[in-house]
């Protein structure tokens, strides 16, 4: 983390993926994402833009297999960078939510930046295949992101038929909720026990 600036850079190289990213929480929504997966680029760009985060991310993954490894590892790296950039969490609002429509679809995201990771995610409304990938890759991405970020993340697809619309609503809502959650609007630590896990 850069002193005085909520920013972090993470690099991860395995036999499956090679990822570098820089995340700035106090940004302007400037996003440069290249994962090799067009739909993932779209979702990550939406989230960072609506969060007003600056995000520079590249991933070279084993897409000849599928997108699973890439999205899972991107989630891990993004979560790590988020936790590092957030630092001691002093003064953050911590808890936030947003509900966003996209045409016929509506999604709600609720977060708690408590340091205690958990995810509640029901994707029953999503079609089995979205943009050529199985829908489960998005559960894996969100789970990896939430656990590395130390975030309690609830994603609810309230209604809708189109998978693109449902996911787009969720990623916009997540961005808006993250912007609210990381905003400094309190004094001290946002916990009656005086610390966050």
N, C-alpha and C. Protein backbone atom coordinates (compact mmCIF):
# COMPACT_ATOMS: atom_id res chain seq x y z
N UNK A 1 0.84 -1.19 0.00
CA UNK A 1 0.00 0.00 0.00
C UNK A 1 0.88 1.24 0.00
N UNK A 2 0.55 2.21 -0.84
CA UNK A 2 1.27 3.47 -0.90
C UNK A 2 0.79 4.35 0.25
N UNK A 3 1.73 4.91 1.03
CA UNK A 3 1.37 5.74 2.18
C UNK A 3 0.50 6.93 1.75
N UNK A 4 -0.59 7.14 2.45
CA UNK A 4 -1.46 8.26 2.17
C UNK A 4 -2.39 8.05 0.98
N UNK A 5 -2.25 6.94 0.31
CA UNK A 5 -3.09 6.67 -0.86
C UNK A 5 -3.56 5.23 -0.77
N UNK A 6 -4.85 5.04 -0.87
CA UNK A 6 -5.38 3.67 -0.75
C UNK A 6 -5.22 2.97 -2.11
N UNK A 7 -4.08 2.37 -2.25
CA UNK A 7 -3.71 1.75 -3.53
C UNK A 7 -2.86 0.51 -3.25
N UNK A 8 -2.98 -0.49 -4.09
CA UNK A 8 -2.14 -1.68 -3.96
C UNK A 8 -1.89 -2.28 -5.34
N UNK A 9 -0.73 -2.91 -5.47
CA UNK A 9 -0.37 -3.64 -6.69
C UNK A 9 -0.10 -5.09 -6.31
N UNK A 10 -0.65 -6.00 -7.11
CA UNK A 10 -0.51 -7.43 -6.86
C UNK A 10 -0.08 -8.11 -8.15
N UNK A 11 0.86 -9.05 -8.04
CA UNK A 11 1.26 -9.88 -9.18
C UNK A 11 1.19 -11.34 -8.74
N UNK A 12 0.72 -12.19 -9.62
CA UNK A 12 0.59 -13.62 -9.31
C UNK A 12 0.89 -14.41 -10.59
N UNK A 13 1.82 -15.32 -10.50
CA UNK A 13 2.16 -16.17 -11.64
C UNK A 13 2.13 -17.63 -11.22
N UNK A 14 1.32 -18.41 -11.93
CA UNK A 14 1.27 -19.85 -11.71
C UNK A 14 1.35 -20.53 -13.08
N UNK A 15 1.24 -21.84 -13.10
CA UNK A 15 1.22 -22.56 -14.37
C UNK A 15 -0.09 -22.35 -15.12
N UNK A 16 -1.08 -21.75 -14.44
CA UNK A 16 -2.39 -21.53 -15.05
C UNK A 16 -2.65 -20.09 -15.46
N UNK A 17 -2.10 -19.15 -14.69
CA UNK A 17 -2.36 -17.73 -14.97
C UNK A 17 -1.15 -16.87 -14.66
N UNK A 18 -1.09 -15.71 -15.32
CA UNK A 18 -0.09 -14.69 -15.05
C UNK A 18 -0.86 -13.36 -14.95
N UNK A 19 -0.94 -12.82 -13.73
CA UNK A 19 -1.80 -11.67 -13.47
C UNK A 19 -1.01 -10.54 -12.83
N UNK A 20 -1.23 -9.32 -13.30
CA UNK A 20 -0.75 -8.13 -12.61
C UNK A 20 -1.90 -7.15 -12.54
N UNK A 21 -2.04 -6.49 -11.39
CA UNK A 21 -3.08 -5.48 -11.28
C UNK A 21 -2.69 -4.42 -10.27
N UNK A 22 -3.16 -3.22 -10.53
CA UNK A 22 -3.06 -2.11 -9.59
C UNK A 22 -4.45 -1.57 -9.36
N UNK A 23 -4.81 -1.45 -8.09
CA UNK A 23 -6.14 -0.98 -7.70
C UNK A 23 -5.98 0.27 -6.83
N UNK A 24 -6.70 1.31 -7.19
CA UNK A 24 -6.73 2.54 -6.39
C UNK A 24 -8.17 2.79 -5.96
N UNK A 25 -8.40 2.74 -4.66
CA UNK A 25 -9.76 2.91 -4.15
C UNK A 25 -10.26 4.34 -4.32
N UNK A 26 -9.37 5.31 -4.11
CA UNK A 26 -9.76 6.71 -4.24
C UNK A 26 -9.42 7.20 -5.64
N UNK A 27 -10.13 6.65 -6.61
CA UNK A 27 -9.84 6.96 -8.00
C UNK A 27 -10.96 7.72 -8.67
N UNK A 28 -11.01 7.59 -9.98
CA UNK A 28 -12.02 8.28 -10.78
C UNK A 28 -12.80 7.33 -11.68
N UNK A 29 -12.60 6.03 -11.49
CA UNK A 29 -13.27 5.05 -12.34
C UNK A 29 -12.56 4.83 -13.65
N UNK A 30 -11.23 5.08 -13.66
CA UNK A 30 -10.43 4.85 -14.85
C UNK A 30 -10.04 3.38 -14.88
N UNK A 31 -10.45 2.67 -15.92
CA UNK A 31 -10.28 1.22 -15.95
C UNK A 31 -9.58 0.78 -17.23
N UNK A 32 -8.57 -0.07 -17.07
CA UNK A 32 -7.88 -0.69 -18.19
C UNK A 32 -7.75 -2.16 -17.86
N UNK A 33 -8.63 -2.98 -18.43
CA UNK A 33 -8.70 -4.40 -18.09
C UNK A 33 -8.53 -5.23 -19.35
N UNK A 34 -7.64 -6.22 -19.27
CA UNK A 34 -7.46 -7.17 -20.38
C UNK A 34 -7.25 -8.56 -19.80
N UNK A 35 -8.33 -9.33 -19.77
CA UNK A 35 -8.26 -10.68 -19.21
C UNK A 35 -8.21 -11.76 -20.30
N UNK A 36 -8.42 -11.35 -21.56
CA UNK A 36 -8.56 -12.34 -22.62
C UNK A 36 -9.97 -12.87 -22.72
N UNK A 37 -10.85 -12.43 -21.82
CA UNK A 37 -12.25 -12.87 -21.79
C UNK A 37 -13.10 -11.60 -21.89
N UNK A 38 -13.66 -11.36 -23.04
CA UNK A 38 -14.37 -10.12 -23.29
C UNK A 38 -15.47 -9.82 -22.29
N UNK A 39 -16.26 -10.82 -21.95
CA UNK A 39 -17.36 -10.61 -21.03
C UNK A 39 -16.85 -10.27 -19.63
N UNK A 40 -15.76 -10.91 -19.21
CA UNK A 40 -15.15 -10.61 -17.91
C UNK A 40 -14.62 -9.18 -17.90
N UNK A 41 -14.00 -8.76 -19.00
CA UNK A 41 -13.53 -7.37 -19.09
C UNK A 41 -14.69 -6.41 -18.88
N UNK A 42 -15.82 -6.72 -19.49
CA UNK A 42 -17.02 -5.89 -19.38
C UNK A 42 -17.50 -5.81 -17.93
N UNK A 43 -17.59 -6.95 -17.25
CA UNK A 43 -18.09 -6.98 -15.88
C UNK A 43 -17.14 -6.26 -14.92
N UNK A 44 -15.84 -6.51 -15.05
CA UNK A 44 -14.86 -5.86 -14.17
C UNK A 44 -14.82 -4.35 -14.40
N UNK A 45 -14.96 -3.95 -15.66
CA UNK A 45 -14.99 -2.52 -15.97
C UNK A 45 -16.21 -1.86 -15.35
N UNK A 46 -17.36 -2.51 -15.45
CA UNK A 46 -18.58 -1.97 -14.84
C UNK A 46 -18.41 -1.79 -13.34
N UNK A 47 -17.91 -2.82 -12.67
CA UNK A 47 -17.76 -2.78 -11.22
C UNK A 47 -16.82 -1.66 -10.79
N UNK A 48 -15.64 -1.60 -11.40
CA UNK A 48 -14.66 -0.57 -11.03
C UNK A 48 -15.17 0.83 -11.34
N UNK A 49 -15.82 1.00 -12.50
CA UNK A 49 -16.35 2.30 -12.88
C UNK A 49 -17.37 2.80 -11.86
N UNK A 50 -18.33 1.95 -11.49
CA UNK A 50 -19.37 2.36 -10.55
C UNK A 50 -18.84 2.50 -9.14
N UNK A 51 -17.73 1.83 -8.82
CA UNK A 51 -17.09 2.00 -7.52
C UNK A 51 -16.21 3.25 -7.48
N UNK A 52 -15.94 3.84 -8.65
CA UNK A 52 -14.99 4.94 -8.80
C UNK A 52 -13.57 4.51 -8.40
N UNK A 53 -13.28 3.23 -8.63
CA UNK A 53 -11.93 2.72 -8.43
C UNK A 53 -11.16 2.85 -9.73
N UNK A 54 -9.87 3.12 -9.65
CA UNK A 54 -8.99 2.99 -10.81
C UNK A 54 -8.46 1.56 -10.79
N UNK A 55 -8.55 0.89 -11.93
CA UNK A 55 -8.13 -0.51 -12.01
C UNK A 55 -7.35 -0.73 -13.29
N UNK A 56 -6.15 -1.22 -13.15
CA UNK A 56 -5.31 -1.62 -14.28
C UNK A 56 -5.01 -3.10 -14.08
N UNK A 57 -5.51 -3.95 -14.97
CA UNK A 57 -5.43 -5.39 -14.77
C UNK A 57 -5.15 -6.11 -16.08
N UNK A 58 -4.17 -6.99 -16.06
CA UNK A 58 -3.94 -7.88 -17.20
C UNK A 58 -3.84 -9.31 -16.68
N UNK A 59 -4.39 -10.22 -17.46
CA UNK A 59 -4.33 -11.65 -17.13
C UNK A 59 -4.08 -12.45 -18.39
N UNK A 60 -3.06 -13.28 -18.34
CA UNK A 60 -2.83 -14.26 -19.39
C UNK A 60 -3.09 -15.62 -18.75
N UNK A 61 -4.17 -16.26 -19.19
CA UNK A 61 -4.57 -17.52 -18.58
C UNK A 61 -4.68 -18.65 -19.57
N UNK A 62 -4.89 -19.85 -19.05
CA UNK A 62 -5.00 -21.05 -19.88
C UNK A 62 -6.41 -21.16 -20.47
N UNK A 63 -6.74 -20.19 -21.32
CA UNK A 63 -8.08 -20.13 -21.90
C UNK A 63 -8.34 -21.26 -22.89
N UNK A 64 -7.27 -21.97 -23.28
CA UNK A 64 -7.48 -23.15 -24.12
C UNK A 64 -8.23 -24.24 -23.35
N UNK A 65 -8.20 -24.15 -22.01
CA UNK A 65 -8.98 -25.07 -21.18
C UNK A 65 -10.38 -24.49 -20.98
N UNK A 66 -10.46 -23.40 -20.28
CA UNK A 66 -11.69 -22.60 -20.14
C UNK A 66 -11.33 -21.36 -19.33
N UNK A 67 -12.33 -20.61 -18.90
CA UNK A 67 -12.05 -19.36 -18.19
C UNK A 67 -12.00 -19.52 -16.67
N UNK A 68 -12.21 -20.72 -16.19
CA UNK A 68 -12.33 -20.94 -14.74
C UNK A 68 -11.09 -20.47 -13.98
N UNK A 69 -9.91 -20.94 -14.38
CA UNK A 69 -8.69 -20.58 -13.65
C UNK A 69 -8.46 -19.08 -13.67
N UNK A 70 -8.69 -18.47 -14.84
CA UNK A 70 -8.46 -17.03 -14.96
C UNK A 70 -9.38 -16.25 -14.03
N UNK A 71 -10.67 -16.54 -14.04
CA UNK A 71 -11.61 -15.78 -13.22
C UNK A 71 -11.40 -16.03 -11.74
N UNK A 72 -11.10 -17.26 -11.37
CA UNK A 72 -10.83 -17.56 -9.96
C UNK A 72 -9.60 -16.81 -9.47
N UNK A 73 -8.53 -16.83 -10.25
CA UNK A 73 -7.28 -16.18 -9.85
C UNK A 73 -7.39 -14.65 -9.89
N UNK A 74 -8.15 -14.13 -10.85
CA UNK A 74 -8.40 -12.68 -10.87
C UNK A 74 -9.14 -12.28 -9.59
N UNK A 75 -10.11 -13.07 -9.18
CA UNK A 75 -10.82 -12.80 -7.94
C UNK A 75 -9.88 -12.79 -6.74
N UNK A 76 -8.96 -13.75 -6.69
CA UNK A 76 -7.99 -13.80 -5.59
C UNK A 76 -7.11 -12.56 -5.58
N UNK A 77 -6.60 -12.18 -6.74
CA UNK A 77 -5.72 -11.01 -6.83
C UNK A 77 -6.45 -9.72 -6.53
N UNK A 78 -7.65 -9.60 -7.05
CA UNK A 78 -8.44 -8.38 -6.81
C UNK A 78 -8.78 -8.26 -5.32
N UNK A 79 -9.14 -9.37 -4.70
CA UNK A 79 -9.44 -9.36 -3.28
C UNK A 79 -8.23 -9.01 -2.44
N UNK A 80 -7.07 -9.57 -2.80
CA UNK A 80 -5.84 -9.25 -2.08
C UNK A 80 -5.50 -7.77 -2.20
N UNK A 81 -5.59 -7.24 -3.42
CA UNK A 81 -5.29 -5.83 -3.63
C UNK A 81 -6.28 -4.95 -2.87
N UNK A 82 -7.55 -5.34 -2.87
CA UNK A 82 -8.57 -4.58 -2.16
C UNK A 82 -8.25 -4.52 -0.66
N UNK A 83 -7.94 -5.67 -0.06
CA UNK A 83 -7.63 -5.72 1.37
C UNK A 83 -6.39 -4.89 1.69
N UNK A 84 -5.37 -4.99 0.85
CA UNK A 84 -4.14 -4.22 1.09
C UNK A 84 -4.39 -2.72 0.95
N UNK A 85 -5.15 -2.34 -0.07
CA UNK A 85 -5.43 -0.92 -0.29
C UNK A 85 -6.30 -0.34 0.83
N UNK A 86 -7.19 -1.14 1.36
CA UNK A 86 -8.10 -0.67 2.41
C UNK A 86 -7.36 -0.40 3.71
N UNK A 87 -6.28 -1.11 3.94
CA UNK A 87 -5.45 -0.86 5.11
C UNK A 87 -6.17 -1.16 6.42
N UNK A 88 -6.07 -0.24 7.39
CA UNK A 88 -6.62 -0.49 8.73
C UNK A 88 -8.12 -0.23 8.82
N UNK A 89 -8.73 0.23 7.75
CA UNK A 89 -10.19 0.44 7.65
C UNK A 89 -10.71 1.55 8.56
N UNK A 90 -9.82 2.34 9.11
CA UNK A 90 -10.25 3.40 10.01
C UNK A 90 -11.16 4.40 9.29
N UNK A 91 -12.33 4.61 9.86
CA UNK A 91 -13.26 5.62 9.36
C UNK A 91 -14.17 5.18 8.22
N UNK A 92 -13.99 3.95 7.70
CA UNK A 92 -14.83 3.54 6.56
C UNK A 92 -16.26 3.30 7.02
N UNK A 93 -17.19 3.48 6.10
CA UNK A 93 -18.60 3.20 6.40
C UNK A 93 -18.83 1.73 6.68
N UNK A 94 -18.06 0.86 6.01
CA UNK A 94 -18.02 -0.59 6.22
C UNK A 94 -19.20 -1.34 5.63
N UNK A 95 -20.43 -1.02 6.01
CA UNK A 95 -21.61 -1.75 5.54
C UNK A 95 -22.33 -0.93 4.48
N UNK A 96 -22.70 -1.58 3.37
CA UNK A 96 -23.36 -0.85 2.29
C UNK A 96 -24.18 -1.81 1.44
N UNK A 97 -25.08 -1.23 0.67
CA UNK A 97 -25.90 -2.05 -0.24
C UNK A 97 -26.31 -1.22 -1.43
N UNK A 98 -26.66 -1.92 -2.50
CA UNK A 98 -27.17 -1.25 -3.70
C UNK A 98 -28.06 -2.22 -4.46
N UNK A 99 -29.07 -1.66 -5.10
CA UNK A 99 -29.99 -2.43 -5.93
C UNK A 99 -30.01 -1.76 -7.29
N UNK A 100 -29.77 -2.54 -8.34
CA UNK A 100 -29.65 -1.97 -9.69
C UNK A 100 -30.49 -2.76 -10.69
N UNK A 101 -31.27 -2.06 -11.53
CA UNK A 101 -31.99 -2.73 -12.61
C UNK A 101 -31.16 -2.73 -13.89
N UNK A 102 -31.40 -3.68 -14.73
CA UNK A 102 -30.87 -3.70 -16.09
C UNK A 102 -31.95 -4.29 -16.98
N UNK A 103 -32.68 -3.42 -17.65
CA UNK A 103 -33.85 -3.85 -18.43
C UNK A 103 -34.80 -4.66 -17.54
N UNK A 104 -35.02 -5.92 -17.86
CA UNK A 104 -36.00 -6.72 -17.11
C UNK A 104 -35.44 -7.30 -15.82
N UNK A 105 -34.14 -7.15 -15.60
CA UNK A 105 -33.46 -7.80 -14.47
C UNK A 105 -33.24 -6.82 -13.32
N UNK A 106 -33.22 -7.37 -12.11
CA UNK A 106 -32.92 -6.59 -10.91
C UNK A 106 -32.02 -7.41 -10.00
N UNK A 107 -30.94 -6.79 -9.54
CA UNK A 107 -30.01 -7.46 -8.63
C UNK A 107 -29.71 -6.57 -7.44
N UNK A 108 -29.49 -7.20 -6.29
CA UNK A 108 -29.12 -6.48 -5.08
C UNK A 108 -27.82 -7.05 -4.53
N UNK A 109 -26.94 -6.16 -4.10
CA UNK A 109 -25.68 -6.57 -3.47
C UNK A 109 -25.57 -5.87 -2.12
N UNK A 110 -25.27 -6.64 -1.09
CA UNK A 110 -25.07 -6.13 0.26
C UNK A 110 -23.70 -6.58 0.73
N UNK A 111 -22.91 -5.64 1.28
CA UNK A 111 -21.56 -5.97 1.73
C UNK A 111 -21.32 -5.51 3.16
N UNK A 112 -20.38 -6.20 3.81
CA UNK A 112 -19.86 -5.78 5.10
C UNK A 112 -18.35 -6.00 5.04
N UNK A 113 -17.59 -4.92 5.10
CA UNK A 113 -16.13 -5.00 5.02
C UNK A 113 -15.55 -5.24 6.41
N UNK A 114 -16.03 -6.29 7.04
CA UNK A 114 -15.73 -6.60 8.43
C UNK A 114 -14.40 -7.31 8.62
N UNK A 115 -13.84 -7.87 7.56
CA UNK A 115 -12.68 -8.73 7.68
C UNK A 115 -13.04 -10.19 7.85
N UNK A 116 -14.33 -10.46 7.97
CA UNK A 116 -14.81 -11.84 8.13
C UNK A 116 -15.47 -12.27 6.83
N UNK A 117 -14.76 -13.06 6.03
CA UNK A 117 -15.27 -13.42 4.70
C UNK A 117 -16.44 -14.39 4.74
N UNK A 118 -17.40 -14.10 3.88
CA UNK A 118 -18.55 -15.00 3.71
C UNK A 118 -19.23 -14.60 2.41
N UNK A 119 -19.85 -15.55 1.75
CA UNK A 119 -20.61 -15.23 0.55
C UNK A 119 -21.93 -15.98 0.56
N UNK A 120 -22.98 -15.27 0.23
CA UNK A 120 -24.29 -15.87 -0.02
C UNK A 120 -24.64 -15.52 -1.46
N UNK A 121 -24.80 -16.54 -2.27
CA UNK A 121 -24.95 -16.31 -3.71
C UNK A 121 -25.85 -17.39 -4.29
N UNK A 122 -27.03 -16.99 -4.73
CA UNK A 122 -27.98 -17.92 -5.33
C UNK A 122 -28.13 -17.56 -6.80
N UNK A 123 -27.60 -18.41 -7.67
CA UNK A 123 -27.61 -18.12 -9.10
C UNK A 123 -28.67 -18.92 -9.87
N UNK A 124 -29.73 -19.31 -9.16
CA UNK A 124 -30.76 -20.15 -9.80
C UNK A 124 -31.40 -19.47 -11.00
N UNK A 125 -31.47 -18.15 -11.01
CA UNK A 125 -32.10 -17.43 -12.13
C UNK A 125 -31.19 -17.34 -13.36
N UNK A 126 -29.89 -17.53 -13.15
CA UNK A 126 -28.97 -17.41 -14.29
C UNK A 126 -29.10 -18.60 -15.23
N UNK A 127 -29.01 -18.36 -16.53
CA UNK A 127 -28.95 -19.49 -17.47
C UNK A 127 -27.65 -20.25 -17.26
N UNK A 128 -27.63 -21.51 -17.65
CA UNK A 128 -26.45 -22.35 -17.41
C UNK A 128 -25.20 -21.83 -18.12
N UNK A 129 -25.40 -21.24 -19.30
CA UNK A 129 -24.27 -20.71 -20.08
C UNK A 129 -24.50 -19.22 -20.33
N UNK A 130 -23.46 -18.42 -20.02
CA UNK A 130 -23.52 -16.98 -20.28
C UNK A 130 -22.25 -16.58 -21.02
N UNK A 131 -22.41 -16.00 -22.19
CA UNK A 131 -21.27 -15.56 -23.01
C UNK A 131 -20.27 -16.69 -23.24
N UNK A 132 -20.79 -17.91 -23.40
CA UNK A 132 -19.94 -19.05 -23.72
C UNK A 132 -19.34 -19.77 -22.54
N UNK A 133 -19.57 -19.28 -21.32
CA UNK A 133 -19.01 -19.92 -20.13
C UNK A 133 -20.12 -20.42 -19.22
N UNK A 134 -19.82 -21.48 -18.44
CA UNK A 134 -20.79 -21.93 -17.45
C UNK A 134 -20.96 -20.87 -16.38
N UNK A 135 -22.17 -20.76 -15.86
CA UNK A 135 -22.46 -19.71 -14.89
C UNK A 135 -21.65 -19.84 -13.61
N UNK A 136 -21.17 -21.04 -13.29
CA UNK A 136 -20.43 -21.26 -12.05
C UNK A 136 -19.13 -20.47 -11.97
N UNK A 137 -18.57 -20.04 -13.12
CA UNK A 137 -17.32 -19.27 -13.05
C UNK A 137 -17.53 -17.96 -12.31
N UNK A 138 -18.75 -17.44 -12.32
CA UNK A 138 -19.02 -16.18 -11.64
C UNK A 138 -19.14 -16.38 -10.14
N UNK A 139 -19.67 -17.50 -9.72
CA UNK A 139 -19.67 -17.84 -8.29
C UNK A 139 -18.23 -17.96 -7.80
N UNK A 140 -17.38 -18.63 -8.58
CA UNK A 140 -15.98 -18.81 -8.18
C UNK A 140 -15.24 -17.48 -8.12
N UNK A 141 -15.50 -16.60 -9.08
CA UNK A 141 -14.86 -15.28 -9.05
C UNK A 141 -15.28 -14.52 -7.79
N UNK A 142 -16.59 -14.44 -7.54
CA UNK A 142 -17.09 -13.68 -6.40
C UNK A 142 -16.63 -14.28 -5.08
N UNK A 143 -16.61 -15.60 -4.99
CA UNK A 143 -16.15 -16.26 -3.77
C UNK A 143 -14.68 -15.93 -3.51
N UNK A 144 -13.85 -16.03 -4.54
CA UNK A 144 -12.43 -15.73 -4.40
C UNK A 144 -12.21 -14.28 -4.00
N UNK A 145 -12.92 -13.38 -4.65
CA UNK A 145 -12.81 -11.96 -4.35
C UNK A 145 -13.21 -11.68 -2.90
N UNK A 146 -14.37 -12.19 -2.49
CA UNK A 146 -14.88 -11.93 -1.13
C UNK A 146 -13.95 -12.47 -0.07
N UNK A 147 -13.43 -13.68 -0.26
CA UNK A 147 -12.61 -14.29 0.78
C UNK A 147 -11.26 -13.61 0.91
N UNK A 148 -10.64 -13.25 -0.20
CA UNK A 148 -9.35 -12.55 -0.12
C UNK A 148 -9.52 -11.11 0.36
N UNK A 149 -10.66 -10.50 0.06
CA UNK A 149 -10.92 -9.13 0.49
C UNK A 149 -11.33 -9.06 1.96
N UNK A 150 -11.72 -10.19 2.55
CA UNK A 150 -12.23 -10.19 3.91
C UNK A 150 -13.59 -9.54 4.00
N UNK A 151 -14.43 -9.88 3.03
CA UNK A 151 -15.72 -9.20 2.88
C UNK A 151 -16.87 -10.19 3.01
N UNK A 152 -17.91 -9.76 3.69
CA UNK A 152 -19.17 -10.49 3.70
C UNK A 152 -19.95 -9.97 2.49
N UNK A 153 -20.25 -10.86 1.56
CA UNK A 153 -20.85 -10.48 0.28
C UNK A 153 -22.13 -11.28 0.04
N UNK A 154 -23.23 -10.56 -0.14
CA UNK A 154 -24.50 -11.19 -0.48
C UNK A 154 -24.94 -10.65 -1.83
N UNK A 155 -25.20 -11.55 -2.76
CA UNK A 155 -25.67 -11.18 -4.10
C UNK A 155 -27.00 -11.87 -4.33
N UNK A 156 -28.02 -11.07 -4.61
CA UNK A 156 -29.35 -11.61 -4.83
C UNK A 156 -29.87 -11.17 -6.19
N UNK A 157 -30.16 -12.15 -7.04
CA UNK A 157 -30.82 -11.86 -8.31
C UNK A 157 -32.33 -11.92 -8.04
N UNK A 158 -32.97 -10.77 -8.05
CA UNK A 158 -34.37 -10.73 -7.64
C UNK A 158 -35.31 -11.24 -8.73
N UNK A 159 -35.06 -10.80 -9.97
CA UNK A 159 -35.81 -11.33 -11.11
C UNK A 159 -35.10 -10.94 -12.39
N UNK A 160 -35.50 -11.60 -13.48
CA UNK A 160 -34.89 -11.36 -14.79
C UNK A 160 -34.76 -12.65 -15.56
N UNK A 161 -34.57 -12.51 -16.88
CA UNK A 161 -34.43 -13.69 -17.74
C UNK A 161 -33.09 -13.76 -18.45
N UNK A 162 -32.51 -12.62 -18.74
CA UNK A 162 -31.29 -12.58 -19.55
C UNK A 162 -30.06 -12.61 -18.65
N UNK A 163 -29.18 -13.59 -18.90
CA UNK A 163 -28.00 -13.75 -18.06
C UNK A 163 -27.08 -12.55 -18.07
N UNK A 164 -26.88 -11.96 -19.24
CA UNK A 164 -26.05 -10.76 -19.34
C UNK A 164 -26.63 -9.64 -18.48
N UNK A 165 -27.93 -9.43 -18.59
CA UNK A 165 -28.58 -8.37 -17.83
C UNK A 165 -28.48 -8.61 -16.32
N UNK A 166 -28.69 -9.86 -15.90
CA UNK A 166 -28.62 -10.18 -14.48
C UNK A 166 -27.22 -9.93 -13.92
N UNK A 167 -26.20 -10.42 -14.61
CA UNK A 167 -24.83 -10.21 -14.13
C UNK A 167 -24.42 -8.75 -14.19
N UNK A 168 -24.84 -8.06 -15.24
CA UNK A 168 -24.49 -6.64 -15.34
C UNK A 168 -25.11 -5.86 -14.18
N UNK A 169 -26.36 -6.14 -13.85
CA UNK A 169 -27.00 -5.47 -12.71
C UNK A 169 -26.24 -5.76 -11.43
N UNK A 170 -25.80 -7.01 -11.24
CA UNK A 170 -25.08 -7.39 -10.03
C UNK A 170 -23.72 -6.70 -9.93
N UNK A 171 -22.99 -6.62 -11.03
CA UNK A 171 -21.67 -6.01 -10.99
C UNK A 171 -21.74 -4.49 -10.81
N UNK A 172 -22.76 -3.87 -11.39
CA UNK A 172 -22.97 -2.44 -11.13
C UNK A 172 -23.32 -2.22 -9.66
N UNK A 173 -24.23 -3.04 -9.15
CA UNK A 173 -24.62 -2.92 -7.74
C UNK A 173 -23.44 -3.16 -6.82
N UNK A 174 -22.60 -4.12 -7.15
CA UNK A 174 -21.42 -4.37 -6.31
C UNK A 174 -20.49 -3.16 -6.32
N UNK A 175 -20.31 -2.55 -7.48
CA UNK A 175 -19.48 -1.36 -7.55
C UNK A 175 -20.01 -0.23 -6.69
N UNK A 176 -21.31 0.02 -6.77
CA UNK A 176 -21.93 1.09 -5.99
C UNK A 176 -21.80 0.81 -4.50
N UNK A 177 -22.06 -0.45 -4.11
CA UNK A 177 -21.94 -0.82 -2.70
C UNK A 177 -20.50 -0.69 -2.21
N UNK A 178 -19.54 -1.10 -3.02
CA UNK A 178 -18.13 -0.98 -2.62
C UNK A 178 -17.74 0.49 -2.44
N UNK A 179 -18.21 1.35 -3.34
CA UNK A 179 -17.91 2.78 -3.22
C UNK A 179 -18.42 3.32 -1.88
N UNK A 180 -19.62 2.91 -1.52
CA UNK A 180 -20.21 3.36 -0.25
C UNK A 180 -19.46 2.77 0.94
N UNK A 181 -19.11 1.50 0.85
CA UNK A 181 -18.47 0.81 1.96
C UNK A 181 -17.07 1.31 2.28
N UNK A 182 -16.28 1.65 1.26
CA UNK A 182 -14.91 2.11 1.50
C UNK A 182 -14.83 3.60 1.80
N UNK A 183 -15.93 4.32 1.56
CA UNK A 183 -15.93 5.77 1.80
C UNK A 183 -15.67 6.05 3.28
N UNK A 184 -14.88 7.06 3.54
CA UNK A 184 -14.58 7.46 4.91
C UNK A 184 -15.66 8.43 5.37
N UNK A 185 -16.54 7.94 6.23
CA UNK A 185 -17.65 8.75 6.69
C UNK A 185 -17.84 8.68 8.19
N UNK A 186 -16.90 8.04 8.89
CA UNK A 186 -17.00 7.87 10.33
C UNK A 186 -15.65 8.20 10.97
N UNK A 187 -15.61 8.23 12.27
CA UNK A 187 -14.34 8.37 12.97
C UNK A 187 -14.03 7.05 13.66
N UNK A 188 -12.77 6.72 13.72
CA UNK A 188 -12.38 5.48 14.37
C UNK A 188 -12.77 4.26 13.57
N UNK A 189 -12.83 3.13 14.26
CA UNK A 189 -13.17 1.85 13.64
C UNK A 189 -14.67 1.63 13.72
N UNK A 190 -15.27 1.21 12.62
CA UNK A 190 -16.72 1.02 12.55
C UNK A 190 -17.12 -0.32 13.18
N UNK A 191 -16.97 -0.38 14.50
CA UNK A 191 -17.35 -1.59 15.23
C UNK A 191 -17.51 -1.25 16.71
N UNK A 192 -18.57 -1.76 17.32
CA UNK A 192 -18.77 -1.52 18.75
C UNK A 192 -17.73 -2.23 19.59
N UNK A 193 -17.08 -3.27 19.02
CA UNK A 193 -16.04 -3.97 19.79
C UNK A 193 -14.68 -3.29 19.66
N UNK A 194 -14.61 -2.28 18.77
CA UNK A 194 -13.39 -1.49 18.66
C UNK A 194 -12.34 -2.03 17.71
N UNK A 195 -12.67 -3.12 17.01
CA UNK A 195 -11.72 -3.67 16.03
C UNK A 195 -12.48 -4.45 14.97
N UNK A 196 -11.84 -4.60 13.83
CA UNK A 196 -12.39 -5.42 12.75
C UNK A 196 -11.45 -6.59 12.52
N UNK A 197 -12.02 -7.76 12.26
CA UNK A 197 -11.21 -8.96 12.04
C UNK A 197 -10.41 -8.85 10.76
